[in-house]
Each structure stands twice: as C-alpha cells, then as structure tokens.
Amino acid sequence: MIAWSGVGFFVALLISVAYLLCKWLFDIYYYEGYFVEHLWATGATLLLAALFCGAFVWVLRQERWLDAIAKATKSQPMMAPEKTHNFFFIPVLYWPIILFLLGSGICLWDLTR
C-alpha cells in the first residue's frame, strides 16, 4: 500500500529532517539524551516540521515553479497541486496545520504537567 501520491512523501522527509535537526541541536545545547528525556522537545520538532511543510506548500503554490517543472518535463502544469499531492490520504495543504496542532499540544501538555 502506498501512503502517498505525487510529492506527498516530502512530508515524511521534512518531518525526518526536523527530527534529526532538533535531536542534534538539543543534545548539543543541553546534554546527551536531553531530547529523549523531555517530551516538549518532540513538540518543538513537530512545530519545526510544520514550518518546513508550510514552506513546502508555499513553494507548491507558486505558479512560476509549476511552469518551470511543466516545461522541463514537457507536460501540462498542475491545477491545485497542494490538494492533489497526498500523504496518508491527507492533502499536503493540511499537514502544516496538523503538525502545528500536534506539536503545540504536546508542548503545552508537557510544560504544564
């Protein structure tokens, strides 16, 4: 079963990049193992992934990028590409919102307990 269509796999790639970046930065800035011990660091990772995915959706919506891709591949430009590319059957347009809500919820839950 394929969990994405089009360039939807970039959502997973951007979440992985955010995870590696945050784990590396938190472990260097604080101490080794800090990321694993604190749940708010996972929430911060999801917030960073939401920023990355938001930038990705913004790039997908730029017509000049779509025209350049269409010329390079000798095909027609896509209509509403942010809705035609999916990750786990959810359009990439909604992933920044989902990741932001999950990340902020995890941060708030961990920091208030």
PDB file of N, CA and C in Angstrom:
ATOM      1  N   MET A   1       0.838  -1.178   0.000  1.00  0.00           N
ATOM      2  CA  MET A   1       0.000   0.000   0.000  1.00  0.00           C
ATOM      3  C   MET A   1       0.883   1.241   0.000  1.00  0.00           C
ATOM      4  N   ILE A   2       0.625   2.129  -0.906  1.00  0.00           N
ATOM      5  CA  ILE A   2       1.368   3.377  -0.991  1.00  0.00           C
ATOM      6  C   ILE A   2       0.676   4.405  -0.116  1.00  0.00           C
ATOM      7  N   ALA A   3       1.443   5.056   0.735  1.00  0.00           N
ATOM      8  CA  ALA A   3       0.874   6.008   1.691  1.00  0.00           C
ATOM      9  C   ALA A   3       0.895   7.435   1.170  1.00  0.00           C
ATOM     10  N   TRP A   4       1.369   7.645  -0.056  1.00  0.00           N
ATOM     11  CA  TRP A   4       1.407   8.996  -0.591  1.00  0.00           C
ATOM     12  C   TRP A   4       1.086   8.978  -2.070  1.00  0.00           C
ATOM     13  N   SER A   5       0.757  10.147  -2.589  1.00  0.00           N
ATOM     14  CA  SER A   5       0.618  10.315  -4.036  1.00  0.00           C
ATOM     15  C   SER A   5       1.344  11.596  -4.411  1.00  0.00           C
ATOM     16  N   GLY A   6       1.938  11.579  -5.576  1.00  0.00           N
ATOM     17  CA  GLY A   6       2.694  12.748  -6.029  1.00  0.00           C
ATOM     18  C   GLY A   6       3.928  12.959  -5.174  1.00  0.00           C
ATOM     19  N   VAL A   7       4.104  14.199  -4.728  1.00  0.00           N
ATOM     20  CA  VAL A   7       5.259  14.534  -3.900  1.00  0.00           C
ATOM     21  C   VAL A   7       4.899  14.557  -2.419  1.00  0.00           C
ATOM     22  N   GLY A   8       3.863  13.839  -2.042  1.00  0.00           N
ATOM     23  CA  GLY A   8       3.447  13.772  -0.646  1.00  0.00           C
ATOM     24  C   GLY A   8       4.473  13.151   0.275  1.00  0.00           C
ATOM     25  N   PHE A   9       5.399  12.362  -0.278  1.00  0.00           N
ATOM     26  CA  PHE A   9       6.436  11.741   0.547  1.00  0.00           C
ATOM     27  C   PHE A   9       7.367  12.780   1.145  1.00  0.00           C
ATOM     28  N   PHE A  10       7.366  14.005   0.586  1.00  0.00           N
ATOM     29  CA  PHE A  10       8.205  15.064   1.141  1.00  0.00           C
ATOM     30  C   PHE A  10       7.772  15.443   2.558  1.00  0.00           C
ATOM     31  N   VAL A  11       6.518  15.219   2.909  1.00  0.00           N
ATOM     32  CA  VAL A  11       6.059  15.492   4.271  1.00  0.00           C
ATOM     33  C   VAL A  11       6.838  14.604   5.246  1.00  0.00           C
ATOM     34  N   ALA A  12       6.940  13.325   4.949  1.00  0.00           N
ATOM     35  CA  ALA A  12       7.710  12.417   5.806  1.00  0.00           C
ATOM     36  C   ALA A  12       9.182  12.801   5.823  1.00  0.00           C
ATOM     37  N   LEU A  13       9.708  13.192   4.682  1.00  0.00           N
ATOM     38  CA  LEU A  13      11.101  13.598   4.606  1.00  0.00           C
ATOM     39  C   LEU A  13      11.356  14.847   5.451  1.00  0.00           C
ATOM     40  N   LEU A  14      10.450  15.818   5.395  1.00  0.00           N
ATOM     41  CA  LEU A  14      10.621  17.051   6.164  1.00  0.00           C
ATOM     42  C   LEU A  14      10.465  16.801   7.665  1.00  0.00           C
ATOM     43  N   ILE A  15       9.580  15.896   8.054  1.00  0.00           N
ATOM     44  CA  ILE A  15       9.451  15.538   9.472  1.00  0.00           C
ATOM     45  C   ILE A  15      10.743  14.866   9.943  1.00  0.00           C
ATOM     46  N   SER A  16      11.320  14.017   9.119  1.00  0.00           N
ATOM     47  CA  SER A  16      12.568  13.347   9.478  1.00  0.00           C
ATOM     48  C   SER A  16      13.720  14.336   9.605  1.00  0.00           C
ATOM     49  N   VAL A  17      13.789  15.299   8.701  1.00  0.00           N
ATOM     50  CA  VAL A  17      14.838  16.322   8.764  1.00  0.00           C
ATOM     51  C   VAL A  17      14.679  17.163  10.032  1.00  0.00           C
ATOM     52  N   ALA A  18      13.445  17.539  10.361  1.00  0.00           N
ATOM     53  CA  ALA A  18      13.194  18.312  11.579  1.00  0.00           C
ATOM     54  C   ALA A  18      13.588  17.503  12.817  1.00  0.00           C
ATOM     55  N   TYR A  19      13.279  16.211  12.820  1.00  0.00           N
ATOM     56  CA  TYR A  19      13.639  15.349  13.947  1.00  0.00           C
ATOM     57  C   TYR A  19      15.154  15.294  14.123  1.00  0.00           C
ATOM     58  N   LEU A  20      15.862  15.021  13.051  1.00  0.00           N
ATOM     59  CA  LEU A  20      17.318  14.915  13.146  1.00  0.00           C
ATOM     60  C   LEU A  20      17.945  16.232  13.581  1.00  0.00           C
ATOM     61  N   LEU A  21      17.445  17.344  13.053  1.00  0.00           N
ATOM     62  CA  LEU A  21      17.979  18.657  13.405  1.00  0.00           C
ATOM     63  C   LEU A  21      17.723  18.980  14.880  1.00  0.00           C
ATOM     64  N   CYS A  22      16.505  18.767  15.345  1.00  0.00           N
ATOM     65  CA  CYS A  22      16.182  19.070  16.743  1.00  0.00           C
ATOM     66  C   CYS A  22      16.911  18.146  17.703  1.00  0.00           C
ATOM     67  N   LYS A  23      16.972  16.875  17.389  1.00  0.00           N
ATOM     68  CA  LYS A  23      17.677  15.935  18.270  1.00  0.00           C
ATOM     69  C   LYS A  23      19.136  16.328  18.386  1.00  0.00           C
ATOM     70  N   TRP A  24      19.744  16.651  17.289  1.00  0.00           N
ATOM     71  CA  TRP A  24      21.144  17.046  17.284  1.00  0.00           C
ATOM     72  C   TRP A  24      21.352  18.342  18.062  1.00  0.00           C
ATOM     73  N   LEU A  25      20.491  19.351  17.811  1.00  0.00           N
ATOM     74  CA  LEU A  25      20.657  20.641  18.481  1.00  0.00           C
ATOM     75  C   LEU A  25      20.399  20.551  19.983  1.00  0.00           C
ATOM     76  N   PHE A  26      19.337  19.875  20.401  1.00  0.00           N
ATOM     77  CA  PHE A  26      19.038  19.764  21.830  1.00  0.00           C
ATOM     78  C   PHE A  26      20.107  18.972  22.565  1.00  0.00           C
ATOM     79  N   ASP A  27      20.591  17.911  21.952  1.00  0.00           N
ATOM     80  CA  ASP A  27      21.622  17.106  22.608  1.00  0.00           C
ATOM     81  C   ASP A  27      22.950  17.852  22.690  1.00  0.00           C
ATOM     82  N   ILE A  28      23.229  18.712  21.732  1.00  0.00           N
ATOM     83  CA  ILE A  28      24.461  19.502  21.791  1.00  0.00           C
ATOM     84  C   ILE A  28      24.303  20.659  22.783  1.00  0.00           C
ATOM     85  N   TYR A  29      23.172  21.355  22.731  1.00  0.00           N
ATOM     86  CA  TYR A  29      22.983  22.542  23.559  1.00  0.00           C
ATOM     87  C   TYR A  29      22.853  22.197  25.036  1.00  0.00           C
ATOM     88  N   TYR A  30      22.090  21.157  25.361  1.00  0.00           N
ATOM     89  CA  TYR A  30      21.886  20.795  26.768  1.00  0.00           C
ATOM     90  C   TYR A  30      22.854  19.685  27.179  1.00  0.00           C
ATOM     91  N   TYR A  31      22.497  18.462  26.962  1.00  0.00           N
ATOM     92  CA  TYR A  31      23.373  17.328  27.249  1.00  0.00           C
ATOM     93  C   TYR A  31      22.876  16.127  26.464  1.00  0.00           C
ATOM     94  N   GLU A  32      23.723  15.130  26.342  1.00  0.00           N
ATOM     95  CA  GLU A  32      23.392  13.924  25.581  1.00  0.00           C
ATOM     96  C   GLU A  32      22.202  13.214  26.219  1.00  0.00           C
ATOM     97  N   GLY A  33      21.166  12.960  25.450  1.00  0.00           N
ATOM     98  CA  GLY A  33      19.975  12.290  25.944  1.00  0.00           C
ATOM     99  C   GLY A  33      18.862  13.237  26.360  1.00  0.00           C
ATOM    100  N   TYR A  34      19.070  14.550  26.232  1.00  0.00           N
ATOM    101  CA  TYR A  34      18.048  15.525  26.639  1.00  0.00           C
ATOM    102  C   TYR A  34      16.787  15.383  25.802  1.00  0.00           C
ATOM    103  N   PHE A  35      16.956  15.181  24.520  1.00  0.00           N
ATOM    104  CA  PHE A  35      15.806  15.078  23.613  1.00  0.00           C
ATOM    105  C   PHE A  35      14.897  13.913  24.010  1.00  0.00           C
ATOM    106  N   VAL A  36      15.474  12.803  24.391  1.00  0.00           N
ATOM    107  CA  VAL A  36      14.702  11.620  24.739  1.00  0.00           C
ATOM    108  C   VAL A  36      13.988  11.803  26.081  1.00  0.00           C
ATOM    109  N   GLU A  37      14.601  12.528  27.009  1.00  0.00           N
ATOM    110  CA  GLU A  37      14.048  12.686  28.353  1.00  0.00           C
ATOM    111  C   GLU A  37      12.905  13.699  28.432  1.00  0.00           C
ATOM    112  N   HIS A  38      12.828  14.636  27.495  1.00  0.00           N
ATOM    113  CA  HIS A  38      11.839  15.712  27.572  1.00  0.00           C
ATOM    114  C   HIS A  38      10.877  15.634  26.387  1.00  0.00           C
ATOM    115  N   LEU A  39       9.598  15.546  26.702  1.00  0.00           N
ATOM    116  CA  LEU A  39       8.578  15.409  25.664  1.00  0.00           C
ATOM    117  C   LEU A  39       8.356  16.705  24.892  1.00  0.00           C
ATOM    118  N   TRP A  40       8.597  17.864  25.537  1.00  0.00           N
ATOM    119  CA  TRP A  40       8.376  19.123  24.834  1.00  0.00           C
ATOM    120  C   TRP A  40       9.327  19.257  23.644  1.00  0.00           C
ATOM    121  N   ALA A  41      10.462  18.582  23.691  1.00  0.00           N
ATOM    122  CA  ALA A  41      11.395  18.623  22.560  1.00  0.00           C
ATOM    123  C   ALA A  41      10.779  17.963  21.328  1.00  0.00           C
ATOM    124  N   THR A  42       9.968  16.925  21.535  1.00  0.00           N
ATOM    125  CA  THR A  42       9.248  16.293  20.427  1.00  0.00           C
ATOM    126  C   THR A  42       8.214  17.260  19.860  1.00  0.00           C
ATOM    127  N   GLY A  43       7.531  17.994  20.745  1.00  0.00           N
ATOM    128  CA  GLY A  43       6.587  19.010  20.284  1.00  0.00           C
ATOM    129  C   GLY A  43       7.273  20.096  19.487  1.00  0.00           C
ATOM    130  N   ALA A  44       8.458  20.509  19.933  1.00  0.00           N
ATOM    131  CA  ALA A  44       9.218  21.512  19.191  1.00  0.00           C
ATOM    132  C   ALA A  44       9.627  20.978  17.821  1.00  0.00           C
ATOM    133  N   THR A  45       9.929  19.683  17.763  1.00  0.00           N
ATOM    134  CA  THR A  45      10.266  19.055  16.480  1.00  0.00           C
ATOM    135  C   THR A  45       9.079  19.122  15.527  1.00  0.00           C
ATOM    136  N   LEU A  46       7.885  18.839  16.031  1.00  0.00           N
ATOM    137  CA  LEU A  46       6.695  18.896  15.175  1.00  0.00           C
ATOM    138  C   LEU A  46       6.381  20.326  14.750  1.00  0.00           C
ATOM    139  N   LEU A  47       6.668  21.304  15.612  1.00  0.00           N
ATOM    140  CA  LEU A  47       6.477  22.710  15.227  1.00  0.00           C
ATOM    141  C   LEU A  47       7.448  23.102  14.116  1.00  0.00           C
ATOM    142  N   LEU A  48       8.684  22.651  14.230  1.00  0.00           N
ATOM    143  CA  LEU A  48       9.659  22.917  13.167  1.00  0.00           C
ATOM    144  C   LEU A  48       9.259  22.219  11.869  1.00  0.00           C
ATOM    145  N   ALA A  49       8.763  20.996  11.982  1.00  0.00           N
ATOM    146  CA  ALA A  49       8.293  20.275  10.796  1.00  0.00           C
ATOM    147  C   ALA A  49       7.105  20.995  10.164  1.00  0.00           C
ATOM    148  N   ALA A  50       6.251  21.605  10.985  1.00  0.00           N
ATOM    149  CA  ALA A  50       5.129  22.386  10.454  1.00  0.00           C
ATOM    150  C   ALA A  50       5.633  23.580   9.663  1.00  0.00           C
ATOM    151  N   LEU A  51       6.690  24.230  10.145  1.00  0.00           N
ATOM    152  CA  LEU A  51       7.280  25.341   9.387  1.00  0.00           C
ATOM    153  C   LEU A  51       7.860  24.863   8.057  1.00  0.00           C
ATOM    154  N   PHE A  52       8.575  23.738   8.100  1.00  0.00           N
ATOM    155  CA  PHE A  52       9.137  23.180   6.869  1.00  0.00           C
ATOM    156  C   PHE A  52       8.040  22.815   5.873  1.00  0.00           C
ATOM    157  N   CYS A  53       6.973  22.172   6.360  1.00  0.00           N
ATOM    158  CA  CYS A  53       5.878  21.771   5.471  1.00  0.00           C
ATOM    159  C   CYS A  53       5.119  22.988   4.953  1.00  0.00           C
ATOM    160  N   GLY A  54       4.980  24.018   5.782  1.00  0.00           N
ATOM    161  CA  GLY A  54       4.347  25.256   5.325  1.00  0.00           C
ATOM    162  C   GLY A  54       5.131  25.904   4.192  1.00  0.00           C
ATOM    163  N   ALA A  55       6.456  25.905   4.316  1.00  0.00           N
ATOM    164  CA  ALA A  55       7.298  26.435   3.239  1.00  0.00           C
ATOM    165  C   ALA A  55       7.167  25.568   1.984  1.00  0.00           C
ATOM    166  N   PHE A  56       7.071  24.264   2.163  1.00  0.00           N
ATOM    167  CA  PHE A  56       6.912  23.352   1.029  1.00  0.00           C
ATOM    168  C   PHE A  56       5.588  23.600   0.303  1.00  0.00           C
ATOM    169  N   VAL A  57       4.511  23.807   1.053  1.00  0.00           N
ATOM    170  CA  VAL A  57       3.208  24.096   0.441  1.00  0.00           C
ATOM    171  C   VAL A  57       3.260  25.438  -0.275  1.00  0.00           C
ATOM    172  N   TRP A  58       3.950  26.417   0.314  1.00  0.00           N
ATOM    173  CA  TRP A  58       4.083  27.727  -0.329  1.00  0.00           C
ATOM    174  C   TRP A  58       4.790  27.584  -1.679  1.00  0.00           C
ATOM    175  N   VAL A  59       5.848  26.767  -1.716  1.00  0.00           N
ATOM    176  CA  VAL A  59       6.565  26.543  -2.981  1.00  0.00           C
ATOM    177  C   VAL A  59       5.658  25.840  -3.986  1.00  0.00           C
ATOM    178  N   LEU A  60       4.860  24.891  -3.511  1.00  0.00           N
ATOM    179  CA  LEU A  60       3.941  24.187  -4.417  1.00  0.00           C
ATOM    180  C   LEU A  60       2.907  25.130  -5.038  1.00  0.00           C
ATOM    181  N   ARG A  61       2.560  26.179  -4.337  1.00  0.00           N
ATOM    182  CA  ARG A  61       1.531  27.099  -4.828  1.00  0.00           C
ATOM    183  C   ARG A  61       2.081  28.151  -5.795  1.00  0.00           C
ATOM    184  N   GLN A  62       3.375  28.243  -5.941  1.00  0.00           N
ATOM    185  CA  GLN A  62       3.974  29.244  -6.823  1.00  0.00           C
ATOM    186  C   GLN A  62       3.863  28.793  -8.274  1.00  0.00           C
ATOM    187  N   GLU A  63       3.180  29.578  -9.070  1.00  0.00           N
ATOM    188  CA  GLU A  63       2.945  29.203 -10.460  1.00  0.00           C
ATOM    189  C   GLU A  63       4.217  29.172 -11.291  1.00  0.00           C
ATOM    190  N   ARG A  64       5.170  30.043 -10.997  1.00  0.00           N
ATOM    191  CA  ARG A  64       6.398  30.051 -11.803  1.00  0.00           C
ATOM    192  C   ARG A  64       7.186  28.759 -11.624  1.00  0.00           C
ATOM    193  N   TRP A  65       7.165  28.168 -10.410  1.00  0.00           N
ATOM    194  CA  TRP A  65       7.818  26.887 -10.187  1.00  0.00           C
ATOM    195  C   TRP A  65       7.102  25.785 -10.966  1.00  0.00           C
ATOM    196  N   LEU A  66       5.771  25.834 -10.923  1.00  0.00           N
ATOM    197  CA  LEU A  66       4.994  24.815 -11.628  1.00  0.00           C
ATOM    198  C   LEU A  66       5.189  24.912 -13.137  1.00  0.00           C
ATOM    199  N   ASP A  67       5.266  26.140 -13.661  1.00  0.00           N
ATOM    200  CA  ASP A  67       5.515  26.319 -15.095  1.00  0.00           C
ATOM    201  C   ASP A  67       6.899  25.811 -15.490  1.00  0.00           C
ATOM    202  N   ALA A  68       7.890  26.063 -14.642  1.00  0.00           N
ATOM    203  CA  ALA A  68       9.242  25.594 -14.934  1.00  0.00           C
ATOM    204  C   ALA A  68       9.302  24.066 -14.923  1.00  0.00           C
ATOM    205  N   ILE A  69       8.622  23.456 -13.968  1.00  0.00           N
ATOM    206  CA  ILE A  69       8.585  21.993 -13.907  1.00  0.00           C
ATOM    207  C   ILE A  69       7.860  21.424 -15.120  1.00  0.00           C
ATOM    208  N   ALA A  70       6.753  22.072 -15.516  1.00  0.00           N
ATOM    209  CA  ALA A  70       5.995  21.604 -16.674  1.00  0.00           C
ATOM    210  C   ALA A  70       6.826  21.707 -17.956  1.00  0.00           C
ATOM    211  N   LYS A  71       7.587  22.782 -18.095  1.00  0.00           N
ATOM    212  CA  LYS A  71       8.441  22.932 -19.280  1.00  0.00           C
ATOM    213  C   LYS A  71       9.557  21.894 -19.280  1.00  0.00           C
ATOM    214  N   ALA A  72      10.122  21.639 -18.112  1.00  0.00           N
ATOM    215  CA  ALA A  72      11.223  20.671 -18.034  1.00  0.00           C
ATOM    216  C   ALA A  72      10.747  19.257 -18.323  1.00  0.00           C
ATOM    217  N   THR A  73       9.540  18.929 -17.911  1.00  0.00           N
ATOM    218  CA  THR A  73       9.015  17.584 -18.125  1.00  0.00           C
ATOM    219  C   THR A  73       8.122  17.478 -19.363  1.00  0.00           C
ATOM    220  N   LYS A  74       7.949  18.605 -20.052  1.00  0.00           N
ATOM    221  CA  LYS A  74       7.117  18.666 -21.262  1.00  0.00           C
ATOM    222  C   LYS A  74       5.707  18.142 -20.994  1.00  0.00           C
ATOM    223  N   SER A  75       5.112  18.657 -19.926  1.00  0.00           N
ATOM    224  CA  SER A  75       3.753  18.269 -19.562  1.00  0.00           C
ATOM    225  C   SER A  75       2.941  19.519 -19.242  1.00  0.00           C
ATOM    226  N   GLN A  76       1.690  19.320 -18.926  1.00  0.00           N
ATOM    227  CA  GLN A  76       0.808  20.433 -18.573  1.00  0.00           C
ATOM    228  C   GLN A  76       1.010  20.800 -17.098  1.00  0.00           C
ATOM    229  N   PRO A  77       0.929  22.105 -16.768  1.00  0.00           N
ATOM    230  CA  PRO A  77       1.022  22.485 -15.351  1.00  0.00           C
ATOM    231  C   PRO A  77      -0.155  21.920 -14.557  1.00  0.00           C
ATOM    232  N   MET A  78       0.092  21.589 -13.305  1.00  0.00           N
ATOM    233  CA  MET A  78      -0.943  21.016 -12.456  1.00  0.00           C
ATOM    234  C   MET A  78      -1.870  22.110 -11.936  1.00  0.00           C
ATOM    235  N   MET A  79      -3.111  21.740 -11.746  1.00  0.00           N
ATOM    236  CA  MET A  79      -4.074  22.639 -11.126  1.00  0.00           C
ATOM    237  C   MET A  79      -4.202  22.245  -9.660  1.00  0.00           C
ATOM    238  N   ALA A  80      -4.104  23.212  -8.759  1.00  0.00           N
ATOM    239  CA  ALA A  80      -4.207  22.999  -7.308  1.00  0.00           C
ATOM    240  C   ALA A  80      -3.311  21.850  -6.845  1.00  0.00           C
ATOM    241  N   PRO A  81      -1.982  21.954  -7.049  1.00  0.00           N
ATOM    242  CA  PRO A  81      -1.101  20.831  -6.704  1.00  0.00           C
ATOM    243  C   PRO A  81      -1.064  20.534  -5.216  1.00  0.00           C
ATOM    244  N   GLU A  82      -1.321  21.561  -4.379  1.00  0.00           N
ATOM    245  CA  GLU A  82      -1.266  21.310  -2.939  1.00  0.00           C
ATOM    246  C   GLU A  82      -2.403  20.409  -2.473  1.00  0.00           C
ATOM    247  N   LYS A  83      -3.433  20.239  -3.312  1.00  0.00           N
ATOM    248  CA  LYS A  83      -4.535  19.343  -2.964  1.00  0.00           C
ATOM    249  C   LYS A  83      -4.429  17.992  -3.673  1.00  0.00           C
ATOM    250  N   THR A  84      -3.652  17.904  -4.737  1.00  0.00           N
ATOM    251  CA  THR A  84      -3.539  16.655  -5.474  1.00  0.00           C
ATOM    252  C   THR A  84      -2.428  15.751  -4.932  1.00  0.00           C
ATOM    253  N   HIS A  85      -1.515  16.309  -4.166  1.00  0.00           N
ATOM    254  CA  HIS A  85      -0.443  15.523  -3.563  1.00  0.00           C
ATOM    255  C   HIS A  85      -0.864  15.172  -2.146  1.00  0.00           C
ATOM    256  N   ASN A  86      -0.813  13.876  -1.812  1.00  0.00           N
ATOM    257  CA  ASN A  86      -1.301  13.406  -0.524  1.00  0.00           C
ATOM    258  C   ASN A  86      -0.226  12.645   0.228  1.00  0.00           C
ATOM    259  N   PHE A  87      -0.353  12.674   1.554  1.00  0.00           N
ATOM    260  CA  PHE A  87       0.444  11.834   2.430  1.00  0.00           C
ATOM    261  C   PHE A  87      -0.527  11.200   3.412  1.00  0.00           C
ATOM    262  N   PHE A  88      -0.608   9.889   3.416  1.00  0.00           N
ATOM    263  CA  PHE A  88      -1.617   9.134   4.164  1.00  0.00           C
ATOM    264  C   PHE A  88      -3.025   9.645   3.837  1.00  0.00           C
ATOM    265  N   PHE A  89      -3.258   9.857   2.573  1.00  0.00           N
ATOM    266  CA  PHE A  89      -4.559  10.246   2.022  1.00  0.00           C
ATOM    267  C   PHE A  89      -5.036  11.611   2.515  1.00  0.00           C
ATOM    268  N   ILE A  90      -4.151  12.405   3.091  1.00  0.00           N
ATOM    269  CA  ILE A  90      -4.459  13.771   3.512  1.00  0.00           C
ATOM    270  C   ILE A  90      -3.659  14.701   2.607  1.00  0.00           C
ATOM    271  N   PRO A  91      -4.301  15.693   1.961  1.00  0.00           N
ATOM    272  CA  PRO A  91      -3.560  16.608   1.091  1.00  0.00           C
ATOM    273  C   PRO A  91      -2.444  17.329   1.852  1.00  0.00           C
ATOM    274  N   VAL A  92      -1.330  17.575   1.168  1.00  0.00           N
ATOM    275  CA  VAL A  92      -0.184  18.226   1.817  1.00  0.00           C
ATOM    276  C   VAL A  92      -0.547  19.626   2.310  1.00  0.00           C
ATOM    277  N   LEU A  93      -1.589  20.202   1.786  1.00  0.00           N
ATOM    278  CA  LEU A  93      -2.045  21.519   2.222  1.00  0.00           C
ATOM    279  C   LEU A  93      -2.384  21.524   3.712  1.00  0.00           C
ATOM    280  N   TYR A  94      -2.872  20.411   4.243  1.00  0.00           N
ATOM    281  CA  TYR A  94      -3.320  20.354   5.632  1.00  0.00           C
ATOM    282  C   TYR A  94      -2.262  19.873   6.609  1.00  0.00           C
ATOM    283  N   TRP A  95      -1.157  19.352   6.139  1.00  0.00           N
ATOM    284  CA  TRP A  95      -0.137  18.817   7.040  1.00  0.00           C
ATOM    285  C   TRP A  95       0.525  19.880   7.911  1.00  0.00           C
ATOM    286  N   PRO A  96       0.802  21.095   7.436  1.00  0.00           N
ATOM    287  CA  PRO A  96       1.349  22.098   8.369  1.00  0.00           C
ATOM    288  C   PRO A  96       0.414  22.375   9.545  1.00  0.00           C
ATOM    289  N   ILE A  97      -0.877  22.408   9.300  1.00  0.00           N
ATOM    290  CA  ILE A  97      -1.844  22.664  10.365  1.00  0.00           C
ATOM    291  C   ILE A  97      -1.865  21.493  11.343  1.00  0.00           C
ATOM    292  N   ILE A  98      -1.891  20.271  10.810  1.00  0.00           N
ATOM    293  CA  ILE A  98      -1.909  19.075  11.660  1.00  0.00           C
ATOM    294  C   ILE A  98      -0.655  19.016  12.528  1.00  0.00           C
ATOM    295  N   LEU A  99       0.505  19.245  11.930  1.00  0.00           N
ATOM    296  CA  LEU A  99       1.756  19.182  12.678  1.00  0.00           C
ATOM    297  C   LEU A  99       1.845  20.296  13.718  1.00  0.00           C
ATOM    298  N   PHE A 100       1.350  21.490  13.370  1.00  0.00           N
ATOM    299  CA  PHE A 100       1.359  22.598  14.321  1.00  0.00           C
ATOM    300  C   PHE A 100       0.479  22.292  15.529  1.00  0.00           C
ATOM    301  N   LEU A 101      -0.708  21.763  15.279  1.00  0.00           N
ATOM    302  CA  LEU A 101      -1.615  21.452  16.386  1.00  0.00           C
ATOM    303  C   LEU A 101      -1.060  20.333  17.268  1.00  0.00           C
ATOM    304  N   LEU A 102      -0.507  19.297  16.650  1.00  0.00           N
ATOM    305  CA  LEU A 102       0.097  18.211  17.428  1.00  0.00           C
ATOM    306  C   LEU A 102       1.292  18.714  18.247  1.00  0.00           C
ATOM    307  N   GLY A 103       2.157  19.480  17.598  1.00  0.00           N
ATOM    308  CA  GLY A 103       3.354  19.986  18.284  1.00  0.00           C
ATOM    309  C   GLY A 103       3.023  20.932  19.415  1.00  0.00           C
ATOM    310  N   SER A 104       2.104  21.855  19.198  1.00  0.00           N
ATOM    311  CA  SER A 104       1.750  22.790  20.267  1.00  0.00           C
ATOM    312  C   SER A 104       1.016  22.071  21.387  1.00  0.00           C
ATOM    313  N   GLY A 105       0.184  21.087  21.058  1.00  0.00           N
ATOM    314  CA  GLY A 105      -0.494  20.312  22.091  1.00  0.00           C
ATOM    315  C   GLY A 105       0.480  19.538  22.961  1.00  0.00           C
ATOM    316  N   ILE A 106       1.474  18.904  22.340  1.00  0.00           N
ATOM    317  CA  ILE A 106       2.473  18.149  23.098  1.00  0.00           C
ATOM    318  C   ILE A 106       3.298  19.089  23.970  1.00  0.00           C
ATOM    319  N   CYS A 107       3.693  20.242  23.435  1.00  0.00           N
ATOM    320  CA  CYS A 107       4.471  21.206  24.220  1.00  0.00           C
ATOM    321  C   CYS A 107       3.671  21.702  25.412  1.00  0.00           C
ATOM    322  N   LEU A 108       2.416  22.093  25.178  1.00  0.00           N
ATOM    323  CA  LEU A 108       1.587  22.590  26.270  1.00  0.00           C
ATOM    324  C   LEU A 108       1.340  21.519  27.322  1.00  0.00           C
ATOM    325  N   TRP A 109       1.082  20.306  26.901  1.00  0.00           N
ATOM    326  CA  TRP A 109       0.814  19.221  27.836  1.00  0.00           C
ATOM    327  C   TRP A 109       2.047  18.936  28.696  1.00  0.00           C
ATOM    328  N   ASP A 110       3.217  18.893  28.053  1.00  0.00           N
ATOM    329  CA  ASP A 110       4.428  18.553  28.809  1.00  0.00           C
ATOM    330  C   ASP A 110       4.858  19.702  29.709  1.00  0.00           C
ATOM    331  N   LEU A 111       4.723  20.930  29.275  1.00  0.00           N
ATOM    332  CA  LEU A 111       5.192  22.057  30.067  1.00  0.00           C
ATOM    333  C   LEU A 111       4.241  22.427  31.204  1.00  0.00           C
ATOM    334  N   THR A 112       2.986  21.978  31.157  1.00  0.00           N
ATOM    335  CA  THR A 112       2.025  22.315  32.213  1.00  0.00           C
ATOM    336  C   THR A 112       1.802  21.188  33.211  1.00  0.00           C
ATOM    337  N   ARG A 113       2.413  20.044  33.021  1.00  0.00           N
ATOM    338  CA  ARG A 113       2.182  18.961  33.986  1.00  0.00           C
ATOM    339  C   ARG A 113       3.167  19.002  35.109  1.00  0.00           C
TER     340      ARG A 113
END
